[in-house]
Protein backbone atom coordinates (compact mmCIF):
# COMPACT_ATOMS: atom_id res chain seq x y z
CA UNK A 1 85.51 67.12 41.91
CA UNK A 2 89.08 68.39 41.29
CA UNK A 3 88.77 71.50 39.15
CA UNK A 4 85.36 72.43 40.49
CA UNK A 5 84.85 76.17 40.67
CA UNK A 6 82.57 77.89 43.18
CA UNK A 7 81.90 81.44 42.02
CA UNK A 8 81.74 84.00 44.88
CA UNK A 9 79.04 86.07 43.29
CA UNK A 10 76.44 83.31 43.55
CA UNK A 11 78.07 81.32 46.35
CA UNK A 12 75.83 78.63 47.87
CA UNK A 13 77.11 78.16 51.40
CA UNK A 14 75.71 74.61 51.59
CA UNK A 15 77.58 73.73 48.36
CA UNK A 16 80.75 75.31 49.76
CA UNK A 17 80.44 73.33 52.98
CA UNK A 18 79.84 70.05 51.06
CA UNK A 19 82.80 70.80 48.80
CA UNK A 20 85.13 71.62 51.69
CA UNK A 21 84.02 68.40 53.48
CA UNK A 22 84.85 66.46 50.30
CA UNK A 23 88.23 68.18 50.12
CA UNK A 24 89.07 67.26 53.69
CA UNK A 25 88.25 63.60 53.03
CA UNK A 26 90.00 63.45 49.65
CA UNK A 27 93.35 65.25 50.21
CA UNK A 28 92.29 68.34 48.33
CA UNK A 29 91.68 72.01 49.12
CA UNK A 30 89.73 75.07 48.03
CA UNK A 31 91.97 77.85 46.70
CA UNK A 32 90.83 81.49 46.41
CA UNK A 33 91.30 82.50 42.77
CA UNK A 34 89.74 85.93 43.08
CA UNK A 35 86.27 85.67 41.53
CA UNK A 36 85.90 81.98 42.58
CA UNK A 37 87.22 79.15 44.74
CA UNK A 38 88.76 76.16 42.93
CA UNK A 39 89.23 72.59 44.17
CA UNK A 40 92.84 71.44 43.74
CA UNK A 41 94.70 68.44 44.97
CA UNK A 42 96.70 68.99 48.12
CA UNK A 43 100.43 68.37 47.74
CA UNK A 44 103.58 69.15 49.67
CA UNK A 45 104.23 72.04 47.17
CA UNK A 46 100.85 73.47 48.13
CA UNK A 47 101.66 73.13 51.79
CA UNK A 48 104.71 75.41 51.36
CA UNK A 49 102.46 78.10 49.80
CA UNK A 50 99.89 77.97 52.65
CA UNK A 51 100.50 80.90 55.05
CA UNK A 52 101.34 80.07 58.66
CA UNK A 53 98.94 80.86 61.44
CA UNK A 54 101.03 83.87 62.48
CA UNK A 55 101.03 85.16 58.89
CA UNK A 56 97.22 84.73 58.76
CA UNK A 57 96.83 86.62 62.04
CA UNK A 58 98.99 89.44 60.83
CA UNK A 59 96.90 89.83 57.67
CA UNK A 60 93.67 89.85 59.75
CA UNK A 61 95.08 92.35 62.18
CA UNK A 62 96.06 94.63 59.25
CA UNK A 63 92.57 94.36 57.78
CA UNK A 64 90.97 95.18 61.14
CA UNK A 65 93.27 98.14 61.66
CA UNK A 66 92.44 99.42 58.16
CA UNK A 67 88.75 99.06 58.79
CA UNK A 68 89.05 100.87 62.17
CA UNK A 69 90.97 103.72 60.60
CA UNK A 70 88.18 104.13 58.07
CA UNK A 71 85.56 104.25 60.83
CA UNK A 72 87.61 106.82 62.80
CA UNK A 73 87.94 109.15 59.84
CA UNK A 74 84.34 108.69 58.59
CA UNK A 75 82.65 108.47 61.97
């Protein structure tokens, strides 16, 4: 399953769920590659590249603020 690509355009959520479950059981992870998600082995090097919870929250807050600004100017 390593190397499997799930293309976002035709994403089957059941397949995504099954793949992520497999990843959790087999020390692997799904990585966002832009147009698709790819299954890669989890390693300590990968762990260093994974954003912390606070970094993830900051990105989400920025996205929400950007969306809210768009609503305020268009609404």
